[in-house]
Amino acid sequence: MNNFWQSRLLLINLIAFALYGIDKAKAKRHAWRIPERTLLACGLLAPVGSGLGMLAFHHKVRKAYFYLAIFAGFILWAAIDYLILSFS
């Protein structure tokens, strides 16, 4: 994988990690929150950043569907990686 894709994957995972931290901070202040569907989409598109964000900020850890979204994200990225490697 070239540097272009690696940097993009790192960026979306950092954004997902930051979104979990921002949402946790807003939850503590009872401020406007990031919608759950946005955080779930992060789980699908950036499972590493989302999972680490959940663990680091202890946010959304009681909701099983967040774990399911992160697991589905890992499956999705494994399938994409397999397809890319098998056709190159």
PDB file of N, CA and C in Angstrom:
ATOM      1  N   MET A   1       0.853  -1.166   0.000  1.00  0.00           N
ATOM      2  CA  MET A   1       0.000   0.000   0.000  1.00  0.00           C
ATOM      3  C   MET A   1       0.900   1.230   0.000  1.00  0.00           C
ATOM      4  N   ASN A   2       0.583   2.179  -0.835  1.00  0.00           N
ATOM      5  CA  ASN A   2       1.448   3.347  -0.916  1.00  0.00           C
ATOM      6  C   ASN A   2       1.129   4.351   0.185  1.00  0.00           C
ATOM      7  N   ASN A   3       1.976   5.375   0.263  1.00  0.00           N
ATOM      8  CA  ASN A   3       1.848   6.367   1.337  1.00  0.00           C
ATOM      9  C   ASN A   3       0.551   7.154   1.262  1.00  0.00           C
ATOM     10  N   PHE A   4       0.013   7.354   0.066  1.00  0.00           N
ATOM     11  CA  PHE A   4      -1.235   8.100  -0.078  1.00  0.00           C
ATOM     12  C   PHE A   4      -2.356   7.428   0.707  1.00  0.00           C
ATOM     13  N   TRP A   5      -2.547   6.135   0.517  1.00  0.00           N
ATOM     14  CA  TRP A   5      -3.624   5.420   1.195  1.00  0.00           C
ATOM     15  C   TRP A   5      -3.341   5.268   2.682  1.00  0.00           C
ATOM     16  N   GLN A   6      -2.092   5.045   3.031  1.00  0.00           N
ATOM     17  CA  GLN A   6      -1.757   4.922   4.455  1.00  0.00           C
ATOM     18  C   GLN A   6      -2.043   6.217   5.202  1.00  0.00           C
ATOM     19  N   SER A   7      -1.707   7.343   4.590  1.00  0.00           N
ATOM     20  CA  SER A   7      -1.962   8.619   5.256  1.00  0.00           C
ATOM     21  C   SER A   7      -3.459   8.890   5.356  1.00  0.00           C
ATOM     22  N   ARG A   8      -4.234   8.485   4.358  1.00  0.00           N
ATOM     23  CA  ARG A   8      -5.690   8.676   4.409  1.00  0.00           C
ATOM     24  C   ARG A   8      -6.320   7.801   5.486  1.00  0.00           C
ATOM     25  N   LEU A   9      -5.875   6.556   5.600  1.00  0.00           N
ATOM     26  CA  LEU A   9      -6.390   5.671   6.642  1.00  0.00           C
ATOM     27  C   LEU A   9      -6.041   6.196   8.030  1.00  0.00           C
ATOM     28  N   LEU A  10      -4.833   6.682   8.183  1.00  0.00           N
ATOM     29  CA  LEU A  10      -4.436   7.259   9.463  1.00  0.00           C
ATOM     30  C   LEU A  10      -5.288   8.480   9.787  1.00  0.00           C
ATOM     31  N   LEU A  11      -5.542   9.318   8.803  1.00  0.00           N
ATOM     32  CA  LEU A  11      -6.328  10.531   9.011  1.00  0.00           C
ATOM     33  C   LEU A  11      -7.763  10.221   9.433  1.00  0.00           C
ATOM     34  N   ILE A  12      -8.421   9.289   8.755  1.00  0.00           N
ATOM     35  CA  ILE A  12      -9.814   9.009   9.128  1.00  0.00           C
ATOM     36  C   ILE A  12      -9.890   8.337  10.500  1.00  0.00           C
ATOM     37  N   ASN A  13      -8.879   7.552  10.860  1.00  0.00           N
ATOM     38  CA  ASN A  13      -8.869   6.950  12.189  1.00  0.00           C
ATOM     39  C   ASN A  13      -8.599   7.996  13.275  1.00  0.00           C
ATOM     40  N   LEU A  14      -7.755   8.961  12.991  1.00  0.00           N
ATOM     41  CA  LEU A  14      -7.527  10.042  13.953  1.00  0.00           C
ATOM     42  C   LEU A  14      -8.779  10.899  14.123  1.00  0.00           C
ATOM     43  N   ILE A  15      -9.486  11.146  13.033  1.00  0.00           N
ATOM     44  CA  ILE A  15     -10.728  11.907  13.119  1.00  0.00           C
ATOM     45  C   ILE A  15     -11.769  11.157  13.943  1.00  0.00           C
ATOM     46  N   ALA A  16     -11.892   9.852  13.719  1.00  0.00           N
ATOM     47  CA  ALA A  16     -12.842   9.052  14.491  1.00  0.00           C
ATOM     48  C   ALA A  16     -12.481   9.067  15.974  1.00  0.00           C
ATOM     49  N   PHE A  17     -11.200   8.923  16.281  1.00  0.00           N
ATOM     50  CA  PHE A  17     -10.751   8.974  17.671  1.00  0.00           C
ATOM     51  C   PHE A  17     -11.113  10.319  18.296  1.00  0.00           C
ATOM     52  N   ALA A  18     -10.853  11.395  17.572  1.00  0.00           N
ATOM     53  CA  ALA A  18     -11.155  12.737  18.078  1.00  0.00           C
ATOM     54  C   ALA A  18     -12.657  12.941  18.273  1.00  0.00           C
ATOM     55  N   LEU A  19     -13.466  12.418  17.363  1.00  0.00           N
ATOM     56  CA  LEU A  19     -14.920  12.577  17.495  1.00  0.00           C
ATOM     57  C   LEU A  19     -15.444  11.912  18.759  1.00  0.00           C
ATOM     58  N   TYR A  20     -14.904  10.756  19.114  1.00  0.00           N
ATOM     59  CA  TYR A  20     -15.321  10.104  20.357  1.00  0.00           C
ATOM     60  C   TYR A  20     -14.910  10.944  21.568  1.00  0.00           C
ATOM     61  N   GLY A  21     -13.727  11.531  21.526  1.00  0.00           N
ATOM     62  CA  GLY A  21     -13.281  12.392  22.623  1.00  0.00           C
ATOM     63  C   GLY A  21     -14.113  13.654  22.731  1.00  0.00           C
ATOM     64  N   ILE A  22     -14.427  14.265  21.603  1.00  0.00           N
ATOM     65  CA  ILE A  22     -15.254  15.474  21.594  1.00  0.00           C
ATOM     66  C   ILE A  22     -16.644  15.172  22.119  1.00  0.00           C
ATOM     67  N   ASP A  23     -17.221  14.056  21.680  1.00  0.00           N
ATOM     68  CA  ASP A  23     -18.564  13.711  22.124  1.00  0.00           C
ATOM     69  C   ASP A  23     -18.587  13.420  23.621  1.00  0.00           C
ATOM     70  N   LYS A  24     -17.562  12.785  24.141  1.00  0.00           N
ATOM     71  CA  LYS A  24     -17.499  12.515  25.580  1.00  0.00           C
ATOM     72  C   LYS A  24     -17.395  13.819  26.365  1.00  0.00           C
ATOM     73  N   ALA A  25     -16.579  14.751  25.886  1.00  0.00           N
ATOM     74  CA  ALA A  25     -16.446  16.040  26.570  1.00  0.00           C
ATOM     75  C   ALA A  25     -17.767  16.802  26.551  1.00  0.00           C
ATOM     76  N   LYS A  26     -18.466  16.741  25.418  1.00  0.00           N
ATOM     77  CA  LYS A  26     -19.766  17.414  25.325  1.00  0.00           C
ATOM     78  C   LYS A  26     -20.801  16.744  26.210  1.00  0.00           C
ATOM     79  N   ALA A  27     -20.722  15.437  26.358  1.00  0.00           N
ATOM     80  CA  ALA A  27     -21.663  14.721  27.225  1.00  0.00           C
ATOM     81  C   ALA A  27     -21.474  15.142  28.677  1.00  0.00           C
ATOM     82  N   LYS A  28     -20.238  15.348  29.086  1.00  0.00           N
ATOM     83  CA  LYS A  28     -19.977  15.767  30.464  1.00  0.00           C
ATOM     84  C   LYS A  28     -20.515  17.171  30.747  1.00  0.00           C
ATOM     85  N   ARG A  29     -20.508  18.034  29.709  1.00  0.00           N
ATOM     86  CA  ARG A  29     -20.987  19.406  29.884  1.00  0.00           C
ATOM     87  C   ARG A  29     -22.461  19.568  29.530  1.00  0.00           C
ATOM     88  N   HIS A  30     -23.110  18.483  29.168  1.00  0.00           N
ATOM     89  CA  HIS A  30     -24.517  18.496  28.735  1.00  0.00           C
ATOM     90  C   HIS A  30     -24.722  19.460  27.563  1.00  0.00           C
ATOM     91  N   ALA A  31     -23.779  19.445  26.646  1.00  0.00           N
ATOM     92  CA  ALA A  31     -23.832  20.314  25.468  1.00  0.00           C
ATOM     93  C   ALA A  31     -24.378  19.531  24.280  1.00  0.00           C
ATOM     94  N   TRP A  32     -24.478  20.217  23.135  1.00  0.00           N
ATOM     95  CA  TRP A  32     -24.921  19.583  21.896  1.00  0.00           C
ATOM     96  C   TRP A  32     -23.985  18.419  21.590  1.00  0.00           C
ATOM     97  N   ARG A  33     -24.546  17.286  21.185  1.00  0.00           N
ATOM     98  CA  ARG A  33     -23.787  16.052  20.995  1.00  0.00           C
ATOM     99  C   ARG A  33     -23.641  15.717  19.523  1.00  0.00           C
ATOM    100  N   ILE A  34     -22.650  14.903  19.237  1.00  0.00           N
ATOM    101  CA  ILE A  34     -22.467  14.347  17.900  1.00  0.00           C
ATOM    102  C   ILE A  34     -23.488  13.222  17.744  1.00  0.00           C
ATOM    103  N   PRO A  35     -24.234  13.192  16.633  1.00  0.00           N
ATOM    104  CA  PRO A  35     -25.250  12.135  16.470  1.00  0.00           C
ATOM    105  C   PRO A  35     -24.631  10.739  16.512  1.00  0.00           C
ATOM    106  N   GLU A  36     -25.403   9.806  17.076  1.00  0.00           N
ATOM    107  CA  GLU A  36     -24.910   8.433  17.179  1.00  0.00           C
ATOM    108  C   GLU A  36     -24.649   7.817  15.814  1.00  0.00           C
ATOM    109  N   ARG A  37     -25.454   8.181  14.822  1.00  0.00           N
ATOM    110  CA  ARG A  37     -25.225   7.589  13.492  1.00  0.00           C
ATOM    111  C   ARG A  37     -23.882   8.026  12.923  1.00  0.00           C
ATOM    112  N   THR A  38     -23.407   9.219  13.287  1.00  0.00           N
ATOM    113  CA  THR A  38     -22.078   9.661  12.855  1.00  0.00           C
ATOM    114  C   THR A  38     -21.000   8.810  13.516  1.00  0.00           C
ATOM    115  N   LEU A  39     -21.164   8.555  14.808  1.00  0.00           N
ATOM    116  CA  LEU A  39     -20.191   7.726  15.516  1.00  0.00           C
ATOM    117  C   LEU A  39     -20.234   6.277  15.022  1.00  0.00           C
ATOM    118  N   LEU A  40     -21.424   5.797  14.691  1.00  0.00           N
ATOM    119  CA  LEU A  40     -21.534   4.446  14.132  1.00  0.00           C
ATOM    120  C   LEU A  40     -20.887   4.361  12.754  1.00  0.00           C
ATOM    121  N   ALA A  41     -21.052   5.404  11.946  1.00  0.00           N
ATOM    122  CA  ALA A  41     -20.398   5.435  10.634  1.00  0.00           C
ATOM    123  C   ALA A  41     -18.887   5.441  10.796  1.00  0.00           C
ATOM    124  N   CYS A  42     -18.400   6.136  11.808  1.00  0.00           N
ATOM    125  CA  CYS A  42     -16.966   6.107  12.094  1.00  0.00           C
ATOM    126  C   CYS A  42     -16.524   4.691  12.446  1.00  0.00           C
ATOM    127  N   GLY A  43     -17.374   3.967  13.158  1.00  0.00           N
ATOM    128  CA  GLY A  43     -17.052   2.588  13.498  1.00  0.00           C
ATOM    129  C   GLY A  43     -16.896   1.710  12.270  1.00  0.00           C
ATOM    130  N   LEU A  44     -17.699   1.980  11.252  1.00  0.00           N
ATOM    131  CA  LEU A  44     -17.580   1.209  10.009  1.00  0.00           C
ATOM    132  C   LEU A  44     -16.387   1.645   9.175  1.00  0.00           C
ATOM    133  N   LEU A  45     -16.158   2.940   9.083  1.00  0.00           N
ATOM    134  CA  LEU A  45     -15.119   3.456   8.197  1.00  0.00           C
ATOM    135  C   LEU A  45     -13.737   3.499   8.846  1.00  0.00           C
ATOM    136  N   ALA A  46     -13.701   3.654  10.151  1.00  0.00           N
ATOM    137  CA  ALA A  46     -12.431   3.760  10.866  1.00  0.00           C
ATOM    138  C   ALA A  46     -12.523   2.966  12.164  1.00  0.00           C
ATOM    139  N   PRO A  47     -12.520   1.645  12.072  1.00  0.00           N
ATOM    140  CA  PRO A  47     -12.742   0.835  13.280  1.00  0.00           C
ATOM    141  C   PRO A  47     -11.621   0.951  14.316  1.00  0.00           C
ATOM    142  N   VAL A  48     -10.405   1.162  13.886  1.00  0.00           N
ATOM    143  CA  VAL A  48      -9.302   1.248  14.848  1.00  0.00           C
ATOM    144  C   VAL A  48      -9.426   2.520  15.684  1.00  0.00           C
ATOM    145  N   GLY A  49      -9.626   3.651  15.022  1.00  0.00           N
ATOM    146  CA  GLY A  49      -9.771   4.918  15.738  1.00  0.00           C
ATOM    147  C   GLY A  49     -10.994   4.934  16.629  1.00  0.00           C
ATOM    148  N   SER A  50     -12.086   4.348  16.150  1.00  0.00           N
ATOM    149  CA  SER A  50     -13.311   4.300  16.949  1.00  0.00           C
ATOM    150  C   SER A  50     -13.143   3.412  18.170  1.00  0.00           C
ATOM    151  N   GLY A  51     -12.544   2.249  17.974  1.00  0.00           N
ATOM    152  CA  GLY A  51     -12.332   1.341  19.094  1.00  0.00           C
ATOM    153  C   GLY A  51     -11.405   1.931  20.143  1.00  0.00           C
ATOM    154  N   LEU A  52     -10.335   2.556  19.687  1.00  0.00           N
ATOM    155  CA  LEU A  52      -9.420   3.184  20.637  1.00  0.00           C
ATOM    156  C   LEU A  52     -10.076   4.378  21.324  1.00  0.00           C
ATOM    157  N   GLY A  53     -10.921   5.106  20.593  1.00  0.00           N
ATOM    158  CA  GLY A  53     -11.647   6.220  21.193  1.00  0.00           C
ATOM    159  C   GLY A  53     -12.620   5.751  22.259  1.00  0.00           C
ATOM    160  N   MET A  54     -13.284   4.637  21.983  1.00  0.00           N
ATOM    161  CA  MET A  54     -14.201   4.074  22.980  1.00  0.00           C
ATOM    162  C   MET A  54     -13.439   3.679  24.245  1.00  0.00           C
ATOM    163  N   LEU A  55     -12.289   3.055  24.071  1.00  0.00           N
ATOM    164  CA  LEU A  55     -11.517   2.600  25.226  1.00  0.00           C
ATOM    165  C   LEU A  55     -10.850   3.757  25.965  1.00  0.00           C
ATOM    166  N   ALA A  56     -10.256   4.684  25.227  1.00  0.00           N
ATOM    167  CA  ALA A  56      -9.521   5.780  25.860  1.00  0.00           C
ATOM    168  C   ALA A  56     -10.443   6.726  26.620  1.00  0.00           C
ATOM    169  N   PHE A  57     -11.604   7.019  26.047  1.00  0.00           N
ATOM    170  CA  PHE A  57     -12.516   7.970  26.672  1.00  0.00           C
ATOM    171  C   PHE A  57     -13.641   7.292  27.440  1.00  0.00           C
ATOM    172  N   HIS A  58     -13.660   5.955  27.441  1.00  0.00           N
ATOM    173  CA  HIS A  58     -14.719   5.165  28.081  1.00  0.00           C
ATOM    174  C   HIS A  58     -16.087   5.712  27.662  1.00  0.00           C
ATOM    175  N   HIS A  59     -16.280   5.776  26.357  1.00  0.00           N
ATOM    176  CA  HIS A  59     -17.481   6.384  25.794  1.00  0.00           C
ATOM    177  C   HIS A  59     -18.205   5.367  24.914  1.00  0.00           C
ATOM    178  N   LYS A  60     -19.494   5.223  25.138  1.00  0.00           N
ATOM    179  CA  LYS A  60     -20.365   4.314  24.383  1.00  0.00           C
ATOM    180  C   LYS A  60     -19.986   2.846  24.587  1.00  0.00           C
ATOM    181  N   VAL A  61     -19.356   2.535  25.698  1.00  0.00           N
ATOM    182  CA  VAL A  61     -18.912   1.161  25.924  1.00  0.00           C
ATOM    183  C   VAL A  61     -20.048   0.252  26.395  1.00  0.00           C
ATOM    184  N   ARG A  62     -21.147   0.800  26.828  1.00  0.00           N
ATOM    185  CA  ARG A  62     -22.272  -0.022  27.278  1.00  0.00           C
ATOM    186  C   ARG A  62     -23.235  -0.373  26.150  1.00  0.00           C
ATOM    187  N   LYS A  63     -23.027   0.214  24.997  1.00  0.00           N
ATOM    188  CA  LYS A  63     -23.946  -0.010  23.877  1.00  0.00           C
ATOM    189  C   LYS A  63     -23.353  -1.042  22.928  1.00  0.00           C
ATOM    190  N   ALA A  64     -24.013  -2.188  22.860  1.00  0.00           N
ATOM    191  CA  ALA A  64     -23.489  -3.316  22.088  1.00  0.00           C
ATOM    192  C   ALA A  64     -23.425  -3.015  20.596  1.00  0.00           C
ATOM    193  N   TYR A  65     -24.325  -2.176  20.095  1.00  0.00           N
ATOM    194  CA  TYR A  65     -24.311  -1.937  18.655  1.00  0.00           C
ATOM    195  C   TYR A  65     -23.100  -1.121  18.218  1.00  0.00           C
ATOM    196  N   PHE A  66     -22.417  -0.439  19.126  1.00  0.00           N
ATOM    197  CA  PHE A  66     -21.167   0.223  18.762  1.00  0.00           C
ATOM    198  C   PHE A  66     -20.065  -0.818  18.565  1.00  0.00           C
ATOM    199  N   TYR A  67     -20.039  -1.831  19.413  1.00  0.00           N
ATOM    200  CA  TYR A  67     -19.082  -2.919  19.215  1.00  0.00           C
ATOM    201  C   TYR A  67     -19.367  -3.661  17.913  1.00  0.00           C
ATOM    202  N   LEU A  68     -20.638  -3.833  17.613  1.00  0.00           N
ATOM    203  CA  LEU A  68     -21.021  -4.500  16.373  1.00  0.00           C
ATOM    204  C   LEU A  68     -20.579  -3.686  15.153  1.00  0.00           C
ATOM    205  N   ALA A  69     -20.743  -2.368  15.218  1.00  0.00           N
ATOM    206  CA  ALA A  69     -20.312  -1.515  14.107  1.00  0.00           C
ATOM    207  C   ALA A  69     -18.802  -1.579  13.920  1.00  0.00           C
ATOM    208  N   ILE A  70     -18.062  -1.588  15.004  1.00  0.00           N
ATOM    209  CA  ILE A  70     -16.601  -1.671  14.907  1.00  0.00           C
ATOM    210  C   ILE A  70     -16.179  -3.034  14.358  1.00  0.00           C
ATOM    211  N   PHE A  71     -16.820  -4.095  14.816  1.00  0.00           N
ATOM    212  CA  PHE A  71     -16.529  -5.434  14.289  1.00  0.00           C
ATOM    213  C   PHE A  71     -16.839  -5.500  12.797  1.00  0.00           C
ATOM    214  N   ALA A  72     -17.986  -4.942  12.393  1.00  0.00           N
ATOM    215  CA  ALA A  72     -18.344  -4.908  10.970  1.00  0.00           C
ATOM    216  C   ALA A  72     -17.336  -4.083  10.181  1.00  0.00           C
ATOM    217  N   GLY A  73     -16.816  -3.023  10.789  1.00  0.00           N
ATOM    218  CA  GLY A  73     -15.789  -2.219  10.131  1.00  0.00           C
ATOM    219  C   GLY A  73     -14.515  -3.001   9.889  1.00  0.00           C
ATOM    220  N   PHE A  74     -14.115  -3.799  10.881  1.00  0.00           N
ATOM    221  CA  PHE A  74     -12.931  -4.645  10.689  1.00  0.00           C
ATOM    222  C   PHE A  74     -13.162  -5.675   9.586  1.00  0.00           C
ATOM    223  N   ILE A  75     -14.340  -6.259   9.542  1.00  0.00           N
ATOM    224  CA  ILE A  75     -14.668  -7.218   8.485  1.00  0.00           C
ATOM    225  C   ILE A  75     -14.654  -6.521   7.126  1.00  0.00           C
ATOM    226  N   LEU A  76     -15.226  -5.337   7.073  1.00  0.00           N
ATOM    227  CA  LEU A  76     -15.253  -4.567   5.823  1.00  0.00           C
ATOM    228  C   LEU A  76     -13.841  -4.278   5.328  1.00  0.00           C
ATOM    229  N   TRP A  77     -12.969  -3.790   6.225  1.00  0.00           N
ATOM    230  CA  TRP A  77     -11.607  -3.462   5.820  1.00  0.00           C
ATOM    231  C   TRP A  77     -10.804  -4.703   5.467  1.00  0.00           C
ATOM    232  N   ALA A  78     -11.079  -5.819   6.127  1.00  0.00           N
ATOM    233  CA  ALA A  78     -10.397  -7.068   5.765  1.00  0.00           C
ATOM    234  C   ALA A  78     -10.822  -7.515   4.369  1.00  0.00           C
ATOM    235  N   ALA A  79     -12.111  -7.374   4.051  1.00  0.00           N
ATOM    236  CA  ALA A  79     -12.596  -7.747   2.720  1.00  0.00           C
ATOM    237  C   ALA A  79     -12.002  -6.837   1.653  1.00  0.00           C
ATOM    238  N   ILE A  80     -11.941  -5.552   1.922  1.00  0.00           N
ATOM    239  CA  ILE A  80     -11.350  -4.606   0.964  1.00  0.00           C
ATOM    240  C   ILE A  80      -9.875  -4.916   0.763  1.00  0.00           C
ATOM    241  N   ASP A  81      -9.166  -5.181   1.843  1.00  0.00           N
ATOM    242  CA  ASP A  81      -7.750  -5.524   1.746  1.00  0.00           C
ATOM    243  C   ASP A  81      -7.544  -6.802   0.954  1.00  0.00           C
ATOM    244  N   TYR A  82      -8.390  -7.782   1.196  1.00  0.00           N
ATOM    245  CA  TYR A  82      -8.289  -9.043   0.459  1.00  0.00           C
ATOM    246  C   TYR A  82      -8.512  -8.819  -1.033  1.00  0.00           C
ATOM    247  N   LEU A  83      -9.534  -8.022  -1.375  1.00  0.00           N
ATOM    248  CA  LEU A  83      -9.820  -7.748  -2.792  1.00  0.00           C
ATOM    249  C   LEU A  83      -8.668  -6.984  -3.456  1.00  0.00           C
ATOM    250  N   ILE A  84      -8.118  -6.019  -2.746  1.00  0.00           N
ATOM    251  CA  ILE A  84      -7.016  -5.248  -3.320  1.00  0.00           C
ATOM    252  C   ILE A  84      -5.799  -6.142  -3.546  1.00  0.00           C
ATOM    253  N   LEU A  85      -5.490  -6.986  -2.563  1.00  0.00           N
ATOM    254  CA  LEU A  85      -4.319  -7.859  -2.701  1.00  0.00           C
ATOM    255  C   LEU A  85      -4.539  -8.956  -3.730  1.00  0.00           C
ATOM    256  N   SER A  86      -5.763  -9.435  -3.871  1.00  0.00           N
ATOM    257  CA  SER A  86      -5.982 -10.525  -4.812  1.00  0.00           C
ATOM    258  C   SER A  86      -5.992 -10.058  -6.262  1.00  0.00           C
ATOM    259  N   PHE A  87      -6.318  -8.791  -6.497  1.00  0.00           N
ATOM    260  CA  PHE A  87      -6.346  -8.288  -7.864  1.00  0.00           C
ATOM    261  C   PHE A  87      -5.097  -7.499  -8.249  1.00  0.00           C
ATOM    262  N   SER A  88      -4.131  -7.398  -7.360  1.00  0.00           N
ATOM    263  CA  SER A  88      -2.918  -6.661  -7.733  1.00  0.00           C
ATOM    264  C   SER A  88      -1.743  -7.567  -7.951  1.00  0.00           C
TER     265      SER A  88
END
